N, C-alpha and C. Protein backbone atom coordinates (compact mmCIF):
# COMPACT_ATOMS: atom_id res chain seq x y z
N MET A 1 109.66 115.27 82.42
CA MET A 1 108.60 114.31 82.18
C MET A 1 108.59 113.31 83.34
N VAL A 2 107.39 112.97 83.80
CA VAL A 2 107.23 112.03 84.90
C VAL A 2 107.08 110.63 84.34
N LYS A 3 107.84 109.70 84.90
CA LYS A 3 107.72 108.31 84.49
C LYS A 3 106.81 107.61 85.48
N TYR A 4 105.86 106.84 84.97
CA TYR A 4 104.92 106.16 85.81
C TYR A 4 105.21 104.67 85.82
N LYS A 5 105.27 104.12 87.01
CA LYS A 5 105.49 102.70 87.17
C LYS A 5 104.14 102.05 87.45
N THR A 6 103.79 101.07 86.66
CA THR A 6 102.54 100.37 86.91
C THR A 6 102.84 99.10 87.68
N THR A 7 102.04 98.85 88.71
CA THR A 7 102.25 97.67 89.54
C THR A 7 101.25 96.57 89.22
N MET A 8 100.36 96.83 88.28
CA MET A 8 99.39 95.81 87.93
C MET A 8 99.07 95.90 86.45
N SER A 9 98.60 94.82 85.89
CA SER A 9 98.28 94.83 84.46
C SER A 9 97.04 95.68 84.23
N PRO A 10 96.92 96.27 83.05
CA PRO A 10 95.73 97.08 82.77
C PRO A 10 94.43 96.28 82.91
N ASP A 11 94.47 94.99 82.59
CA ASP A 11 93.26 94.18 82.72
C ASP A 11 92.80 94.11 84.18
N ARG A 12 93.73 93.91 85.08
CA ARG A 12 93.37 93.82 86.50
C ARG A 12 92.88 95.17 87.01
N LEU A 13 93.56 96.23 86.59
CA LEU A 13 93.15 97.57 86.99
C LEU A 13 91.75 97.87 86.45
N SER A 14 91.49 97.49 85.22
CA SER A 14 90.17 97.69 84.63
C SER A 14 89.11 96.91 85.39
N LEU A 15 89.42 95.69 85.75
CA LEU A 15 88.47 94.88 86.53
C LEU A 15 88.16 95.53 87.87
N THR A 16 89.20 96.05 88.51
CA THR A 16 89.01 96.69 89.82
C THR A 16 88.12 97.91 89.70
N PHE A 17 88.44 98.80 88.76
CA PHE A 17 87.64 100.02 88.63
C PHE A 17 86.23 99.72 88.12
N SER A 18 86.09 98.72 87.28
CA SER A 18 84.77 98.33 86.80
C SER A 18 83.91 97.83 87.96
N ALA A 19 84.51 97.04 88.82
CA ALA A 19 83.77 96.53 89.99
C ALA A 19 83.40 97.67 90.94
N LEU A 20 84.29 98.63 91.10
CA LEU A 20 84.03 99.75 92.01
C LEU A 20 83.06 100.77 91.44
N ALA A 21 82.77 100.68 90.16
CA ALA A 21 81.90 101.66 89.51
C ALA A 21 80.45 101.56 89.96
N ASP A 22 80.07 100.46 90.53
CA ASP A 22 78.67 100.26 90.92
C ASP A 22 78.48 100.55 92.41
N PRO A 23 77.49 101.37 92.77
CA PRO A 23 77.28 101.71 94.19
C PRO A 23 76.89 100.51 95.06
N THR A 24 76.19 99.54 94.50
CA THR A 24 75.84 98.35 95.28
C THR A 24 77.10 97.58 95.65
N ARG A 25 78.01 97.44 94.70
CA ARG A 25 79.25 96.71 94.99
C ARG A 25 80.11 97.47 95.99
N ARG A 26 80.13 98.79 95.89
CA ARG A 26 80.88 99.58 96.89
C ARG A 26 80.27 99.41 98.28
N ALA A 27 78.94 99.35 98.35
CA ALA A 27 78.27 99.16 99.64
C ALA A 27 78.59 97.78 100.21
N ILE A 28 78.64 96.78 99.35
CA ILE A 28 79.00 95.43 99.79
C ILE A 28 80.42 95.43 100.35
N LEU A 29 81.33 96.06 99.64
CA LEU A 29 82.72 96.12 100.13
C LEU A 29 82.78 96.85 101.47
N ALA A 30 82.01 97.91 101.61
CA ALA A 30 82.01 98.66 102.88
C ALA A 30 81.54 97.76 104.03
N ARG A 31 80.55 96.94 103.79
CA ARG A 31 80.08 96.03 104.85
C ARG A 31 81.13 94.98 105.18
N LEU A 32 81.91 94.59 104.19
CA LEU A 32 82.93 93.56 104.42
C LEU A 32 84.15 94.10 105.18
N THR A 33 84.28 95.41 105.28
CA THR A 33 85.42 95.95 106.03
C THR A 33 85.31 95.63 107.51
N ASN A 34 84.11 95.28 107.97
CA ASN A 34 83.90 94.92 109.37
C ASN A 34 84.05 93.43 109.62
N GLY A 35 84.42 92.67 108.61
CA GLY A 35 84.60 91.24 108.77
C GLY A 35 83.77 90.44 107.77
N ALA A 36 83.97 89.14 107.79
CA ALA A 36 83.28 88.24 106.86
C ALA A 36 81.78 88.30 107.08
N ARG A 37 81.04 88.17 105.99
CA ARG A 37 79.58 88.20 106.02
C ARG A 37 79.05 87.12 105.08
N SER A 38 77.88 86.63 105.41
CA SER A 38 77.22 85.67 104.51
C SER A 38 76.56 86.45 103.38
N VAL A 39 76.20 85.74 102.33
CA VAL A 39 75.52 86.36 101.20
C VAL A 39 74.20 86.97 101.68
N THR A 40 73.50 86.28 102.55
CA THR A 40 72.23 86.78 103.08
C THR A 40 72.44 88.09 103.83
N GLU A 41 73.48 88.15 104.65
CA GLU A 41 73.78 89.39 105.39
C GLU A 41 74.12 90.53 104.44
N LEU A 42 74.86 90.22 103.40
CA LEU A 42 75.23 91.26 102.43
C LEU A 42 74.02 91.75 101.63
N ALA A 43 73.03 90.88 101.45
CA ALA A 43 71.85 91.24 100.67
C ALA A 43 70.84 92.06 101.47
N GLU A 44 70.88 91.96 102.80
CA GLU A 44 69.87 92.59 103.66
C GLU A 44 69.57 94.06 103.34
N PRO A 45 70.56 94.93 103.25
CA PRO A 45 70.22 96.34 103.05
C PRO A 45 69.80 96.71 101.63
N HIS A 46 69.85 95.76 100.72
CA HIS A 46 69.56 96.06 99.32
C HIS A 46 68.19 95.53 98.91
N ASP A 47 67.48 96.32 98.16
CA ASP A 47 66.16 95.92 97.68
C ASP A 47 66.31 95.25 96.31
N MET A 48 66.88 94.05 96.36
CA MET A 48 67.06 93.29 95.12
C MET A 48 67.07 91.81 95.43
N SER A 49 66.89 91.03 94.40
CA SER A 49 66.81 89.58 94.56
C SER A 49 68.17 88.98 94.91
N MET A 50 68.13 87.78 95.45
CA MET A 50 69.38 87.07 95.75
C MET A 50 70.19 86.79 94.47
N PRO A 51 69.56 86.43 93.34
CA PRO A 51 70.35 86.25 92.12
C PRO A 51 71.07 87.54 91.70
N ALA A 52 70.42 88.69 91.91
CA ALA A 52 71.08 89.97 91.56
C ALA A 52 72.27 90.22 92.48
N ILE A 53 72.11 89.94 93.78
CA ILE A 53 73.23 90.09 94.72
C ILE A 53 74.35 89.14 94.33
N SER A 54 74.00 87.92 93.96
CA SER A 54 75.00 86.93 93.55
C SER A 54 75.79 87.41 92.34
N LYS A 55 75.12 88.08 91.41
CA LYS A 55 75.83 88.63 90.24
C LYS A 55 76.85 89.68 90.68
N HIS A 56 76.45 90.55 91.60
CA HIS A 56 77.38 91.56 92.11
C HIS A 56 78.57 90.89 92.80
N LEU A 57 78.30 89.84 93.56
CA LEU A 57 79.38 89.13 94.25
C LEU A 57 80.32 88.46 93.25
N ARG A 58 79.79 87.93 92.16
CA ARG A 58 80.65 87.32 91.14
C ARG A 58 81.57 88.36 90.50
N VAL A 59 81.04 89.56 90.26
CA VAL A 59 81.87 90.63 89.70
C VAL A 59 82.98 90.98 90.68
N LEU A 60 82.64 91.12 91.95
CA LEU A 60 83.65 91.43 92.97
C LEU A 60 84.69 90.31 93.10
N GLU A 61 84.23 89.09 93.02
CA GLU A 61 85.14 87.95 93.13
C GLU A 61 86.06 87.87 91.90
N ARG A 62 85.49 88.06 90.71
CA ARG A 62 86.29 88.02 89.48
C ARG A 62 87.36 89.12 89.47
N SER A 63 87.03 90.26 90.07
CA SER A 63 87.99 91.37 90.12
C SER A 63 89.05 91.16 91.20
N GLY A 64 88.84 90.16 92.05
CA GLY A 64 89.80 89.89 93.11
C GLY A 64 89.57 90.71 94.37
N LEU A 65 88.46 91.44 94.43
CA LEU A 65 88.18 92.30 95.59
C LEU A 65 87.59 91.53 96.77
N ILE A 66 87.00 90.38 96.50
CA ILE A 66 86.49 89.54 97.58
C ILE A 66 86.85 88.09 97.30
N GLU A 67 86.75 87.28 98.35
CA GLU A 67 86.87 85.84 98.18
C GLU A 67 85.72 85.19 98.92
N ARG A 68 85.23 84.12 98.35
CA ARG A 68 84.15 83.38 98.99
C ARG A 68 84.66 82.00 99.35
N SER A 69 84.24 81.53 100.50
CA SER A 69 84.66 80.20 100.94
C SER A 69 83.44 79.45 101.46
N ARG A 70 83.71 78.24 101.89
CA ARG A 70 82.62 77.42 102.42
C ARG A 70 83.08 76.84 103.75
N GLU A 71 82.29 77.14 104.77
CA GLU A 71 82.56 76.59 106.10
C GLU A 71 81.27 75.93 106.58
N ALA A 72 81.18 74.65 106.37
CA ALA A 72 79.97 73.86 106.65
C ALA A 72 78.81 74.46 105.85
N GLN A 73 77.73 74.90 106.53
CA GLN A 73 76.59 75.49 105.83
C GLN A 73 76.77 76.98 105.55
N TRP A 74 77.78 77.57 106.14
CA TRP A 74 78.00 79.02 106.02
C TRP A 74 78.96 79.29 104.87
N ARG A 75 78.64 80.23 104.01
CA ARG A 75 79.49 80.59 102.87
C ARG A 75 79.89 82.06 103.00
N PRO A 76 80.92 82.30 103.80
CA PRO A 76 81.30 83.70 104.05
C PRO A 76 82.04 84.35 102.88
N CYS A 77 81.84 85.65 102.79
CA CYS A 77 82.57 86.48 101.83
C CYS A 77 83.53 87.35 102.65
N ARG A 78 84.72 87.52 102.13
CA ARG A 78 85.73 88.36 102.79
C ARG A 78 86.33 89.32 101.77
N ILE A 79 86.68 90.49 102.26
CA ILE A 79 87.31 91.48 101.38
C ILE A 79 88.79 91.11 101.20
N LYS A 80 89.29 91.38 100.02
CA LYS A 80 90.72 91.21 99.74
C LYS A 80 91.25 92.60 99.36
N ALA A 81 92.18 93.08 100.13
CA ALA A 81 92.63 94.46 100.00
C ALA A 81 93.66 94.69 98.89
N ALA A 82 94.33 93.67 98.43
CA ALA A 82 95.42 93.85 97.46
C ALA A 82 95.00 94.64 96.21
N PRO A 83 93.88 94.30 95.55
CA PRO A 83 93.51 95.09 94.36
C PRO A 83 93.21 96.55 94.68
N LEU A 84 92.64 96.80 95.87
CA LEU A 84 92.37 98.19 96.26
C LEU A 84 93.67 98.95 96.47
N LYS A 85 94.64 98.30 97.10
CA LYS A 85 95.94 98.95 97.32
C LYS A 85 96.62 99.25 95.99
N GLU A 86 96.53 98.32 95.06
CA GLU A 86 97.13 98.53 93.74
C GLU A 86 96.47 99.69 93.01
N ALA A 87 95.14 99.80 93.13
CA ALA A 87 94.43 100.92 92.50
C ALA A 87 94.84 102.25 93.15
N VAL A 88 94.95 102.25 94.47
CA VAL A 88 95.37 103.46 95.19
C VAL A 88 96.79 103.85 94.79
N ASP A 89 97.67 102.88 94.69
CA ASP A 89 99.06 103.16 94.27
C ASP A 89 99.07 103.77 92.87
N TRP A 90 98.24 103.25 91.98
CA TRP A 90 98.17 103.78 90.61
C TRP A 90 97.67 105.22 90.63
N MET A 91 96.62 105.49 91.43
CA MET A 91 96.07 106.85 91.51
C MET A 91 97.03 107.82 92.20
N GLU A 92 97.84 107.32 93.11
CA GLU A 92 98.80 108.16 93.85
C GLU A 92 99.76 108.88 92.90
N GLN A 93 100.14 108.22 91.82
CA GLN A 93 101.02 108.85 90.84
C GLN A 93 100.40 110.12 90.29
N TYR A 94 99.11 110.08 90.03
CA TYR A 94 98.40 111.22 89.47
C TYR A 94 98.16 112.30 90.52
N ARG A 95 97.95 111.89 91.75
CA ARG A 95 97.80 112.87 92.83
C ARG A 95 99.08 113.68 92.96
N ARG A 96 100.21 113.00 92.96
CA ARG A 96 101.50 113.71 93.07
C ARG A 96 101.69 114.65 91.89
N HIS A 97 101.34 114.21 90.69
CA HIS A 97 101.47 115.04 89.50
C HIS A 97 100.65 116.32 89.65
N TRP A 98 99.38 116.18 90.07
CA TRP A 98 98.52 117.36 90.17
C TRP A 98 98.93 118.26 91.33
N GLU A 99 99.42 117.68 92.41
CA GLU A 99 99.91 118.53 93.50
C GLU A 99 101.10 119.36 93.05
N GLN A 100 102.02 118.73 92.32
CA GLN A 100 103.18 119.47 91.81
C GLN A 100 102.76 120.55 90.84
N SER A 101 101.81 120.25 89.97
CA SER A 101 101.32 121.24 89.00
C SER A 101 100.65 122.40 89.72
N LEU A 102 99.86 122.11 90.72
CA LEU A 102 99.19 123.17 91.47
C LEU A 102 100.18 123.99 92.29
N ASP A 103 101.22 123.35 92.81
CA ASP A 103 102.27 124.09 93.53
C ASP A 103 102.97 125.07 92.59
N ARG A 104 103.26 124.64 91.36
CA ARG A 104 103.89 125.53 90.38
C ARG A 104 102.96 126.69 90.01
N LEU A 105 101.69 126.40 89.88
CA LEU A 105 100.72 127.45 89.57
C LEU A 105 100.64 128.45 90.73
N GLU A 106 100.66 127.96 91.95
CA GLU A 106 100.62 128.84 93.11
C GLU A 106 101.82 129.78 93.14
N GLU A 107 103.00 129.23 92.85
CA GLU A 107 104.21 130.06 92.80
C GLU A 107 104.10 131.13 91.71
N TYR A 108 103.59 130.74 90.56
CA TYR A 108 103.43 131.66 89.45
C TYR A 108 102.46 132.78 89.81
N LEU A 109 101.36 132.43 90.46
CA LEU A 109 100.38 133.44 90.87
C LEU A 109 100.96 134.41 91.90
N LYS A 110 101.80 133.90 92.79
CA LYS A 110 102.46 134.78 93.77
C LYS A 110 103.36 135.79 93.06
N VAL A 111 104.07 135.33 92.04
CA VAL A 111 104.94 136.22 91.27
C VAL A 111 104.10 137.28 90.57
N LEU A 112 103.00 136.87 89.96
CA LEU A 112 102.13 137.83 89.28
C LEU A 112 101.54 138.85 90.24
N GLN A 113 101.15 138.41 91.41
CA GLN A 113 100.56 139.30 92.39
C GLN A 113 101.56 140.27 92.98
N SER A 114 102.82 139.86 93.04
CA SER A 114 103.85 140.75 93.60
C SER A 114 104.24 141.83 92.61
N GLY A 115 103.91 141.64 91.35
CA GLY A 115 104.25 142.62 90.31
C GLY A 115 105.70 142.55 89.87
N LYS A 116 106.45 141.62 90.38
CA LYS A 116 107.86 141.48 90.01
C LYS A 116 108.04 140.18 89.24
N PRO A 117 108.24 140.28 87.94
CA PRO A 117 108.44 139.05 87.17
C PRO A 117 109.72 138.34 87.60
N LYS A 118 109.64 137.06 87.66
CA LYS A 118 110.80 136.24 88.04
C LYS A 118 111.77 136.18 86.87
N ALA A 119 113.04 136.45 87.15
CA ALA A 119 114.06 136.44 86.09
C ALA A 119 114.32 135.02 85.63
N LYS A 120 114.38 134.88 84.31
CA LYS A 120 114.72 133.58 83.72
C LYS A 120 116.00 133.78 82.92
N GLY A 121 117.09 133.41 83.48
CA GLY A 121 118.37 133.55 82.76
C GLY A 121 118.74 135.01 82.56
N LYS A 122 119.33 135.32 81.42
CA LYS A 122 119.75 136.69 81.12
C LYS A 122 118.55 137.52 80.67
N THR A 123 118.58 138.78 81.06
CA THR A 123 117.52 139.70 80.63
C THR A 123 118.03 140.52 79.47
N ASN A 124 117.13 140.97 78.64
CA ASN A 124 117.47 141.79 77.48
C ASN A 124 117.20 143.25 77.78
N GLU A 125 117.87 143.80 78.76
CA GLU A 125 117.70 145.21 79.09
C GLU A 125 118.52 146.07 78.16
N ARG A 126 117.95 147.18 77.77
CA ARG A 126 118.68 148.11 76.88
C ARG A 126 119.58 148.98 77.72
N LYS A 127 120.77 149.18 77.23
CA LYS A 127 121.70 150.09 77.91
C LYS A 127 121.39 151.50 77.50
N LYS A 128 121.37 152.41 78.47
CA LYS A 128 121.07 153.81 78.18
C LYS A 128 122.31 154.61 78.07
């Protein structure tokens, strides 16, 4: 049995995945990977109102994926990578599990294809 270590609370993980579930929010995060952007810059490629963009930004901020600050008249948004890393670490456990399962299946298929069953302990052969 595989033991899984969680590095974040389920609430935080849920907030992260909930925020990532929306394509607009993922697009906003993608734009922020190139550096801080204003709300107006983040809204440019989207055909939606500024209040709608602001709602998306609040979801991202509440999940911890971005931070907003104030520098004079400019209010930049920046990506925060920690929640993404925690989500990746959580998913990594499952990737390893499935890779191991698929490796075992591959070995089993090789045995079946060779026509020679793999011995498991003692065999029950009849003596002639």
